[in-house]
C-alpha cells in the first residue's frame, strides 16, 4: 500500500498498546497533549493480557519499590474513578510464606527491603499465618505479608486505560505495524509503518518484546531478551480468600468468581527461555543472571527460535505479529497440583484454560525507563521482566511529567539504558 502524501502530525507517538503505552497515553492526553498510539495488534494483545495480575511492593528489587509504592496509589485512583469492574483491583494483601530455612532467608531479605522503604509489611509467625488463611495446609515457618498489596485484572485494566485515553483525545492505530523511524538531519521526526508515515515531535517506544528490534533501527543494542511464562486458570469454587500468594512451589491470584490464576512459585523453575539468534548478541550481560537464577529457567528451542531464523529472510512476513506462544502445559499442570497441595479442600478444581506470554527481560530484572542518549525526543520503556502490569500507571505518569514538565518527579536513574555498558547494575534473584 502506498504511503500517504501528507503525514499526520502528533505531539507524541507511542509504540505499543499494552499497559505501559496506554497509561502513558492516558496521562499525556489528560494534559492536552496530542497523542497517537500504534500497535501491530489489538490493545493488550500480548503480555498485558497474560500477566498474573499482582500489584505488589513486597519482594521487589529495591530500585522498583518507590515506583511500586506510587503505583499502588494510582491504582486506587484509577479504580475509584472508573469503578471496581474496570480493574477488579483488590487490596487484600499478598502472602509470601516460607517452608524451609532457605525460604525464610528469602522472606527476611524482602522484609528488610520493605522496612527500608517503610512499607506496610510484617513477618507472620506460623500461628498468625494460620489465623490469616486457615485453609492453607502445610508446615510453615513464617510468611511475609504486606496488607495493602493486592491484585487486579490485567486485560480489563489495560482496556480501561485505553478507553480513558481515547476519551481524553488520544488516537489509537491498531493493526498498524511500525517498521522504522523517520529522521531529518539525524533527528527522529516520526515513525513509519507498513502503510503510512506519522510525524511525531516525540516518540515513546513501549512495545514490550518488540522494543529491542525497533530501537536497533536507531543503533541501540539494548540487552533485552524474551522469556516465556505459562499460566493457568482454574474452574470456580466457593470463594474463600481474596489474599494472593507467592508460595515456594506455586502462586495464585483469586478472581471474584471463585476461580484462580495460577503460576510458578519462587523456588522452582517457571519460565522457558527459547534460544534465538538475538539471545547471543548480549550473552555476556545475561550469563551472570543465568548463573544467579540457575534452575529457574528452562533453556531450549521453540517457535521463537524458528522465527528468529525466518526473520532473516526478505519480505514483509517478519513484521507480522508473532504466533501464539506455546504453553508449557506440563508446568501449568504441575502448578495446579502444587496449588491443590496448598488447599486440599479444593482438590477437585481443574484447569479451565491455560496460556503463555512473552516477557521482555533485562539482566538485572528491572526495566529500562530512559530518554535515549543522542535522541533527546525518543524514550524507551522496555524490559519490565514480568513487572509491567503493576508498574504501568506510575511509569505512564512519570513519562507524562518527563515529556510535559521536562523531568520525572521520581528518581529514574537506576533504570537508565546505559547501566549495562557502564557496569552500573546489580544481578539479583528473580522476583
Protein backbone atom coordinates (compact mmCIF):
# COMPACT_ATOMS: atom_id res chain seq x y z
CA UNK A 1 0.00 0.00 0.00
CA UNK A 2 1.34 3.44 -0.91
CA UNK A 3 2.46 5.93 1.71
CA UNK A 4 0.18 8.85 2.44
CA UNK A 5 1.35 12.06 0.79
CA UNK A 6 0.79 14.22 3.88
CA UNK A 7 1.89 12.62 7.15
CA UNK A 8 -0.35 13.01 10.18
CA UNK A 9 1.24 15.06 12.97
CA UNK A 10 1.23 14.40 16.72
CA UNK A 11 2.99 15.76 19.78
CA UNK A 12 3.83 12.24 20.97
CA UNK A 13 3.75 8.92 19.16
CA UNK A 14 3.61 5.86 21.43
CA UNK A 15 4.55 2.49 20.01
CA UNK A 16 2.79 -0.23 21.96
CA UNK A 17 -0.79 -0.52 23.26
CA UNK A 18 -0.01 -2.53 26.37
CA UNK A 19 -0.45 -1.35 29.94
CA UNK A 20 2.58 0.97 29.82
CA UNK A 21 1.75 2.54 26.46
CA UNK A 22 -1.92 3.01 27.35
CA UNK A 23 -1.03 4.51 30.75
CA UNK A 24 1.38 6.96 29.12
CA UNK A 25 -1.25 7.94 26.57
CA UNK A 26 -3.84 8.42 29.32
CA UNK A 27 -1.75 10.76 31.46
CA UNK A 28 -0.50 12.73 28.45
CA UNK A 29 -3.91 13.12 26.84
CA UNK A 30 -5.39 14.38 30.11
CA UNK A 31 -2.93 17.28 29.87
CA UNK A 32 -4.00 18.17 26.36
CA UNK A 33 -1.06 16.54 24.60
CA UNK A 34 -1.90 15.28 21.11
CA UNK A 35 -1.10 11.57 21.35
CA UNK A 36 -1.19 8.66 18.92
CA UNK A 37 -0.74 5.03 19.97
CA UNK A 38 0.38 2.42 17.44
CA UNK A 39 0.33 -1.35 17.80
CA UNK A 40 0.73 -4.24 15.38
CA UNK A 41 -2.21 -5.94 17.11
CA UNK A 42 -5.12 -5.06 19.42
CA UNK A 43 -4.98 -3.29 22.78
CA UNK A 44 -3.46 -5.64 25.37
CA UNK A 45 -2.82 -8.14 22.60
CA UNK A 46 0.32 -9.58 24.12
CA UNK A 47 1.74 -9.74 27.66
CA UNK A 48 -0.62 -7.12 29.12
CA UNK A 49 -3.48 -9.60 28.84
CA UNK A 50 -1.48 -12.58 30.10
CA UNK A 51 0.11 -11.42 33.35
CA UNK A 52 -0.66 -12.87 36.78
CA UNK A 53 -2.16 -9.60 37.96
CA UNK A 54 -0.18 -8.98 41.16
CA UNK A 55 0.00 -5.33 42.29
CA UNK A 56 2.76 -5.52 44.87
CA UNK A 57 5.51 -3.64 46.61
CA UNK A 58 6.95 -6.56 48.57
CA UNK A 59 9.55 -8.90 47.13
CA UNK A 60 10.83 -6.37 44.61
CA UNK A 61 14.24 -5.17 43.58
CA UNK A 62 14.93 -2.18 45.87
CA UNK A 63 15.11 0.17 42.88
CA UNK A 64 11.50 -0.64 41.99
CA UNK A 65 9.96 -0.14 45.41
CA UNK A 66 9.42 3.67 45.17
CA UNK A 67 7.76 3.15 41.78
CA UNK A 68 5.61 0.33 43.13
CA UNK A 69 4.53 2.42 46.12
CA UNK A 70 3.39 5.28 43.89
CA UNK A 71 1.76 2.80 41.51
CA UNK A 72 -0.37 1.46 44.36
CA UNK A 73 -1.78 4.96 44.92
CA UNK A 74 -2.50 5.39 41.22
CA UNK A 75 -4.28 2.02 41.04
CA UNK A 76 -6.56 3.26 43.83
CA UNK A 77 -7.26 6.47 41.90
CA UNK A 78 -7.99 4.66 38.64
CA UNK A 79 -10.31 2.18 40.34
CA UNK A 80 -12.11 4.95 42.24
CA UNK A 81 -12.63 6.90 39.02
CA UNK A 82 -13.77 4.09 36.75
CA UNK A 83 -15.20 1.55 39.20
CA UNK A 84 -14.23 -1.87 40.50
CA UNK A 85 -15.23 -3.68 37.31
CA UNK A 86 -12.79 -1.52 35.35
CA UNK A 87 -9.78 -3.06 37.09
CA UNK A 88 -11.01 -5.64 39.65
CA UNK A 89 -8.44 -4.01 41.94
CA UNK A 90 -8.38 -5.68 45.37
CA UNK A 91 -6.16 -4.54 48.27
CA UNK A 92 -6.30 -7.73 50.28
CA UNK A 93 -2.59 -8.22 50.82
CA UNK A 94 -0.12 -10.72 49.38
CA UNK A 95 1.42 -13.58 51.33
CA UNK A 96 4.91 -14.97 50.77
CA UNK A 97 5.25 -17.99 53.08
CA UNK A 98 8.47 -19.81 53.97
CA UNK A 99 8.71 -23.56 54.42
CA UNK A 100 12.48 -24.08 54.73
CA UNK A 101 15.37 -22.12 56.22
CA UNK A 102 16.33 -21.08 52.68
CA UNK A 103 12.79 -19.82 52.05
CA UNK A 104 12.92 -17.93 55.32
CA UNK A 105 16.07 -16.15 54.19
CA UNK A 106 14.27 -15.01 51.03
CA UNK A 107 11.37 -13.73 53.11
CA UNK A 108 13.59 -11.92 55.58
CA UNK A 109 15.55 -10.21 52.80
CA UNK A 110 12.31 -8.93 51.32
CA UNK A 111 11.21 -7.76 54.76
CA UNK A 112 14.41 -5.76 55.29
CA UNK A 113 13.88 -4.01 51.94
CA UNK A 114 10.28 -3.31 52.94
CA UNK A 115 11.38 -1.77 56.23
CA UNK A 116 13.89 0.47 54.45
CA UNK A 117 11.07 1.90 52.36
CA UNK A 118 8.53 1.96 55.22
CA UNK A 119 6.07 -0.42 53.60
CA UNK A 120 3.13 -1.93 55.45
CA UNK A 121 4.90 -5.29 55.61
CA UNK A 122 5.15 -7.65 58.55
CA UNK A 123 6.50 -11.08 59.33
CA UNK A 124 3.80 -13.51 60.42
CA UNK A 125 4.76 -16.49 62.54
CA UNK A 126 3.16 -19.88 61.88
CA UNK A 127 0.25 -19.19 64.23
CA UNK A 128 -0.51 -15.78 62.72
CA UNK A 129 -0.30 -17.22 59.22
CA UNK A 130 -2.84 -19.91 60.13
CA UNK A 131 -5.17 -17.26 61.52
CA UNK A 132 -4.78 -15.15 58.36
CA UNK A 133 -5.51 -18.04 55.99
CA UNK A 134 -6.99 -21.04 57.84
CA UNK A 135 -7.47 -23.07 54.64
CA UNK A 136 -3.72 -23.15 53.91
CA UNK A 137 -2.26 -26.60 54.54
CA UNK A 138 1.33 -27.50 55.33
CA UNK A 139 4.00 -26.75 57.90
CA UNK A 140 5.26 -23.17 57.62
CA UNK A 141 7.98 -21.32 59.43
CA UNK A 142 6.71 -17.79 58.75
CA UNK A 143 5.37 -15.53 55.99
CA UNK A 144 5.83 -12.01 54.67
CA UNK A 145 2.53 -10.14 54.45
CA UNK A 146 2.04 -6.67 53.02
CA UNK A 147 -1.52 -5.71 53.81
CA UNK A 148 -2.07 -3.04 51.15
CA UNK A 149 -0.61 -5.07 48.30
CA UNK A 150 -3.13 -6.86 46.14
CA UNK A 151 -4.09 -7.69 42.60
CA UNK A 152 -6.20 -6.74 39.59
CA UNK A 153 -7.20 -7.94 36.16
CA UNK A 154 -4.54 -7.02 33.57
CA UNK A 155 -6.70 -7.18 30.44
CA UNK A 156 -9.62 -5.26 31.96
CA UNK A 157 -7.29 -2.62 33.35
CA UNK A 158 -5.39 -2.07 30.10
CA UNK A 159 -8.62 -1.68 28.12
CA UNK A 160 -9.92 0.74 30.77
CA UNK A 161 -6.86 2.96 30.39
CA UNK A 162 -7.09 2.76 26.60
CA UNK A 163 -10.73 3.89 26.67
CA UNK A 164 -9.88 6.67 29.10
CA UNK A 165 -7.01 7.82 26.89
CA UNK A 166 -9.32 7.88 23.86
CA UNK A 167 -11.94 9.82 25.79
CA UNK A 168 -9.24 12.38 26.63
CA UNK A 169 -8.35 12.74 22.95
CA UNK A 170 -5.70 10.11 22.23
CA UNK A 171 -5.90 8.31 18.87
CA UNK A 172 -5.23 4.59 18.57
CA UNK A 173 -3.97 2.86 15.44
CA UNK A 174 -4.26 -0.89 15.93
CA UNK A 175 -3.04 -3.46 13.41
CA UNK A 176 -0.55 -0.77 12.35
CA UNK A 177 2.93 -2.28 12.13
CA UNK A 178 5.72 0.18 12.93
CA UNK A 179 8.85 -0.70 10.94
CA UNK A 180 11.16 2.31 11.32
CA UNK A 181 11.59 5.92 12.35
CA UNK A 182 11.72 8.94 10.09
CA UNK A 183 14.72 11.20 10.54
CA UNK A 184 15.84 14.63 9.41
CA UNK A 185 19.45 15.72 9.91
CA UNK A 186 19.96 12.85 12.35
CA UNK A 187 16.92 13.73 14.48
CA UNK A 188 13.91 11.46 14.82
CA UNK A 189 10.89 13.24 13.37
CA UNK A 190 8.31 10.49 13.45
CA UNK A 191 7.56 6.87 12.69
CA UNK A 192 6.99 4.82 9.58
CA UNK A 193 4.57 1.91 9.38
CA UNK A 194 3.86 -0.57 6.64
CA UNK A 195 1.05 1.71 5.43
CA UNK A 196 1.75 5.30 6.47
CA UNK A 197 4.16 7.82 7.92
CA UNK A 198 3.35 9.90 11.01
CA UNK A 199 5.16 12.99 12.20
CA UNK A 200 5.73 12.96 15.97
CA UNK A 201 7.61 15.58 17.91
CA UNK A 202 8.46 12.92 20.49
CA UNK A 203 8.38 9.12 20.38
CA UNK A 204 7.88 6.62 23.20
CA UNK A 205 8.85 3.01 22.46
CA UNK A 206 6.78 0.80 24.77
CA UNK A 207 6.27 -2.24 22.60
CA UNK A 208 7.43 -4.94 25.01
CA UNK A 209 9.14 -7.77 23.19
CA UNK A 210 9.23 -5.67 20.01
CA UNK A 211 11.13 -2.77 21.56
CA UNK A 212 14.61 -4.17 21.09
CA UNK A 213 14.19 -4.60 17.34
CA UNK A 214 12.75 -1.12 16.86
CA UNK A 215 15.46 0.57 18.91
CA UNK A 216 18.09 -1.26 16.88
CA UNK A 217 16.93 0.97 13.99
CA UNK A 218 18.49 3.82 15.98
CA UNK A 219 21.69 1.78 16.54
CA UNK A 220 20.73 0.92 20.11
CA UNK A 221 21.58 -2.61 21.15
CA UNK A 222 19.75 -2.95 24.42
CA UNK A 223 20.27 -6.18 26.40
CA UNK A 224 16.66 -7.28 26.41
CA UNK A 225 15.72 -10.92 25.88
CA UNK A 226 12.39 -12.71 25.76
CA UNK A 227 11.29 -15.46 28.11
CA UNK A 228 8.03 -17.38 28.03
CA UNK A 229 5.77 -17.81 31.06
CA UNK A 230 2.83 -20.23 31.18
CA UNK A 231 -0.26 -19.55 33.29
CA UNK A 232 -3.38 -21.49 34.21
CA UNK A 233 -6.96 -20.61 35.10
CA UNK A 234 -8.86 -22.99 37.36
CA UNK A 235 -12.52 -23.77 37.45
CA UNK A 236 -14.51 -21.88 40.08
CA UNK A 237 -15.27 -22.85 43.66
CA UNK A 238 -16.97 -21.10 46.54
CA UNK A 239 -14.72 -18.06 47.20
CA UNK A 240 -12.73 -18.48 50.42
CA UNK A 241 -10.00 -15.84 50.19
CA UNK A 242 -9.10 -12.61 48.44
CA UNK A 243 -5.47 -12.83 49.51
CA UNK A 244 -2.99 -13.59 46.72
CA UNK A 245 0.04 -15.72 47.41
CA UNK A 246 3.53 -16.33 46.10
CA UNK A 247 4.50 -19.60 47.77
CA UNK A 248 7.67 -21.65 47.25
CA UNK A 249 6.05 -24.10 44.82
CA UNK A 250 3.09 -22.21 43.34
CA UNK A 251 1.49 -18.79 43.12
CA UNK A 252 -2.11 -17.77 42.71
CA UNK A 253 -4.45 -14.80 42.30
CA UNK A 254 -8.08 -15.27 43.36
CA UNK A 255 -10.75 -13.98 40.99
CA UNK A 256 -14.18 -12.65 42.01
CA UNK A 257 -16.00 -15.73 40.66
CA UNK A 258 -14.03 -18.16 42.84
CA UNK A 259 -11.55 -19.27 40.20
CA UNK A 260 -7.78 -18.78 40.46
CA UNK A 261 -4.99 -17.66 38.19
CA UNK A 262 -2.06 -19.96 38.98
CA UNK A 263 1.65 -19.64 38.26
CA UNK A 264 5.00 -20.88 39.46
CA UNK A 265 6.40 -20.48 42.95
CA UNK A 266 9.51 -18.53 43.86
CA UNK A 267 11.59 -21.65 44.41
CA UNK A 268 11.00 -23.65 41.24
CA UNK A 269 11.52 -23.21 37.50
CA UNK A 270 8.61 -21.42 35.95
CA UNK A 271 9.72 -19.84 32.70
CA UNK A 272 11.05 -21.05 29.38
CA UNK A 273 13.94 -19.38 27.59
CA UNK A 274 13.77 -20.15 23.88
CA UNK A 275 17.19 -19.52 22.40
CA UNK A 276 17.18 -17.19 19.40
CA UNK A 277 19.86 -15.52 17.32
CA UNK A 278 19.32 -12.36 19.36
CA UNK A 279 19.97 -14.30 22.57
CA UNK A 280 23.66 -14.48 21.72
CA UNK A 281 24.07 -10.77 20.97
CA UNK A 282 24.21 -9.69 24.60
CA UNK A 283 25.01 -13.03 26.16
CA UNK A 284 27.84 -11.52 28.22
CA UNK A 285 25.30 -9.47 30.19
CA UNK A 286 22.94 -12.38 30.78
CA UNK A 287 25.43 -15.08 31.80
CA UNK A 288 25.73 -13.80 35.42
CA UNK A 289 21.94 -13.60 35.67
CA UNK A 290 21.53 -17.12 34.29
CA UNK A 291 24.04 -18.37 36.83
CA UNK A 292 22.39 -16.50 39.73
CA UNK A 293 18.96 -17.86 38.78
CA UNK A 294 20.11 -21.34 37.82
CA UNK A 295 17.20 -23.75 37.91
CA UNK A 296 14.53 -21.07 37.50
CA UNK A 297 14.71 -21.05 33.68
CA UNK A 298 14.20 -23.88 31.22
CA UNK A 299 16.53 -23.21 28.28
CA UNK A 300 15.69 -24.77 24.93
CA UNK A 301 14.48 -24.28 21.38
CA UNK A 302 10.94 -23.42 20.31
CA UNK A 303 8.79 -21.47 17.89
CA UNK A 304 10.62 -18.24 18.62
CA UNK A 305 13.91 -19.91 17.70
CA UNK A 306 12.49 -20.67 14.26
CA UNK A 307 11.01 -17.18 13.95
CA UNK A 308 14.40 -15.59 14.63
CA UNK A 309 15.77 -17.51 11.66
CA UNK A 310 12.91 -16.78 9.25
CA UNK A 311 13.13 -13.09 10.11
CA UNK A 312 16.44 -13.05 8.27
CA UNK A 313 14.59 -13.72 5.02
CA UNK A 314 13.38 -10.81 2.86
CA UNK A 315 9.71 -9.84 2.77
CA UNK A 316 7.04 -8.37 5.00
CA UNK A 317 6.35 -11.58 6.90
CA UNK A 318 8.91 -10.60 9.51
CA UNK A 319 6.69 -7.67 10.50
CA UNK A 320 3.60 -9.76 11.19
CA UNK A 321 2.54 -10.43 14.79
CA UNK A 322 4.15 -13.43 16.40
CA UNK A 323 2.21 -16.66 16.55
CA UNK A 324 0.54 -17.61 19.82
CA UNK A 325 3.31 -18.62 22.25
CA UNK A 326 3.45 -22.30 23.13
CA UNK A 327 2.05 -23.11 26.56
CA UNK A 328 4.17 -25.32 28.78
CA UNK A 329 1.17 -27.39 29.76
CA UNK A 330 3.27 -29.76 31.87
CA UNK A 331 4.38 -26.82 34.00
CA UNK A 332 0.82 -25.49 34.32
CA UNK A 333 -0.40 -28.90 35.48
CA UNK A 334 2.44 -29.09 37.97
CA UNK A 335 1.47 -25.67 39.36
CA UNK A 336 -2.14 -26.84 39.65
CA UNK A 337 -1.02 -29.95 41.54
CA UNK A 338 1.02 -27.79 43.93
CA UNK A 339 -1.96 -25.46 44.39
CA UNK A 340 -4.09 -28.44 45.42
CA UNK A 341 -1.44 -29.37 48.00
CA UNK A 342 -1.71 -25.88 49.45
CA UNK A 343 -5.52 -26.05 49.56
CA UNK A 344 -6.63 -29.71 49.73
CA UNK A 345 -10.22 -28.70 50.41
CA UNK A 346 -10.49 -27.62 46.73
CA UNK A 347 -8.55 -30.55 45.30
CA UNK A 348 -11.35 -31.16 42.78
CA UNK A 349 -10.55 -27.92 40.94
CA UNK A 350 -9.45 -28.49 37.35
CA UNK A 351 -7.95 -26.37 34.61
CA UNK A 352 -10.45 -24.23 32.74
CA UNK A 353 -7.85 -22.62 30.48
CA UNK A 354 -4.12 -22.07 30.06
CA UNK A 355 -1.94 -19.74 28.04
CA UNK A 356 1.56 -18.37 27.72
CA UNK A 357 3.03 -14.90 27.41
CA UNK A 358 6.33 -13.50 26.19
CA UNK A 359 8.13 -11.35 28.75
CA UNK A 360 10.88 -8.91 27.80
CA UNK A 361 13.55 -9.15 30.45
CA UNK A 362 16.86 -7.48 31.32
CA UNK A 363 19.98 -8.93 33.01
CA UNK A 364 19.14 -7.24 36.34
CA UNK A 365 15.40 -7.95 36.07
CA UNK A 366 14.28 -4.32 36.28
CA UNK A 367 13.09 -2.19 33.36
CA UNK A 368 14.69 0.35 31.12
CA UNK A 369 12.95 3.72 31.55
CA UNK A 370 15.04 6.29 29.79
CA UNK A 371 15.45 9.04 27.23
CA UNK A 372 17.93 7.78 24.67
CA UNK A 373 21.35 9.37 24.54
CA UNK A 374 21.74 11.11 21.21
CA UNK A 375 17.98 11.31 20.66
CA UNK A 376 16.52 13.77 23.14
CA UNK A 377 12.99 13.18 21.86
CA UNK A 378 12.95 9.35 21.99
CA UNK A 379 12.08 7.44 25.19
CA UNK A 380 12.43 3.71 25.83
CA UNK A 381 10.12 1.77 28.17
CA UNK A 382 11.00 -1.90 27.96
CA UNK A 383 12.50 -4.90 29.75
CA UNK A 384 9.88 -4.92 32.51
CA UNK A 385 10.78 -8.53 33.34
CA UNK A 386 7.24 -9.50 34.28
CA UNK A 387 6.61 -6.41 36.44
CA UNK A 388 4.95 -4.22 33.80
CA UNK A 389 1.33 -4.63 34.85
CA UNK A 390 1.72 -3.35 38.40
CA UNK A 391 4.09 -0.54 37.39
CA UNK A 392 2.18 0.54 34.26
CA UNK A 393 0.31 3.55 35.70
CA UNK A 394 3.29 5.03 37.53
CA UNK A 395 5.56 4.67 34.52
CA UNK A 396 2.92 6.33 32.36
CA UNK A 397 2.53 9.21 34.79
CA UNK A 398 6.29 9.69 35.16
CA UNK A 399 6.67 9.70 31.38
CA UNK A 400 3.98 12.35 31.07
CA UNK A 401 5.84 14.50 33.61
CA UNK A 402 9.12 13.96 31.80
CA UNK A 403 7.63 14.90 28.44
CA UNK A 404 5.47 17.82 29.57
CA UNK A 405 7.44 19.23 32.52
CA UNK A 406 10.93 18.29 31.36
CA UNK A 407 11.71 15.86 34.20
CA UNK A 408 10.05 13.00 36.12
CA UNK A 409 9.14 13.55 39.77
CA UNK A 410 10.71 10.25 40.87
CA UNK A 411 14.35 9.26 40.54
CA UNK A 412 14.61 7.00 37.49
CA UNK A 413 18.40 6.87 37.31
CA UNK A 414 18.50 3.18 38.26
CA UNK A 415 16.59 2.42 35.06
CA UNK A 416 18.90 4.20 32.60
CA UNK A 417 19.68 2.30 29.42
CA UNK A 418 23.44 2.81 29.73
CA UNK A 419 23.75 0.98 33.06
CA UNK A 420 24.81 -2.24 31.38
CA UNK A 421 27.66 -0.84 29.31
CA UNK A 422 28.66 1.28 32.33
CA UNK A 423 28.63 -1.76 34.61
CA UNK A 424 26.31 0.11 36.96
CA UNK A 425 23.80 -2.64 37.73
CA UNK A 426 23.28 -5.50 40.17
CA UNK A 427 22.31 -9.09 39.44
CA UNK A 428 19.60 -10.32 41.82
CA UNK A 429 17.43 -13.38 42.26
CA UNK A 430 14.37 -13.45 40.04
CA UNK A 431 11.28 -11.80 41.56
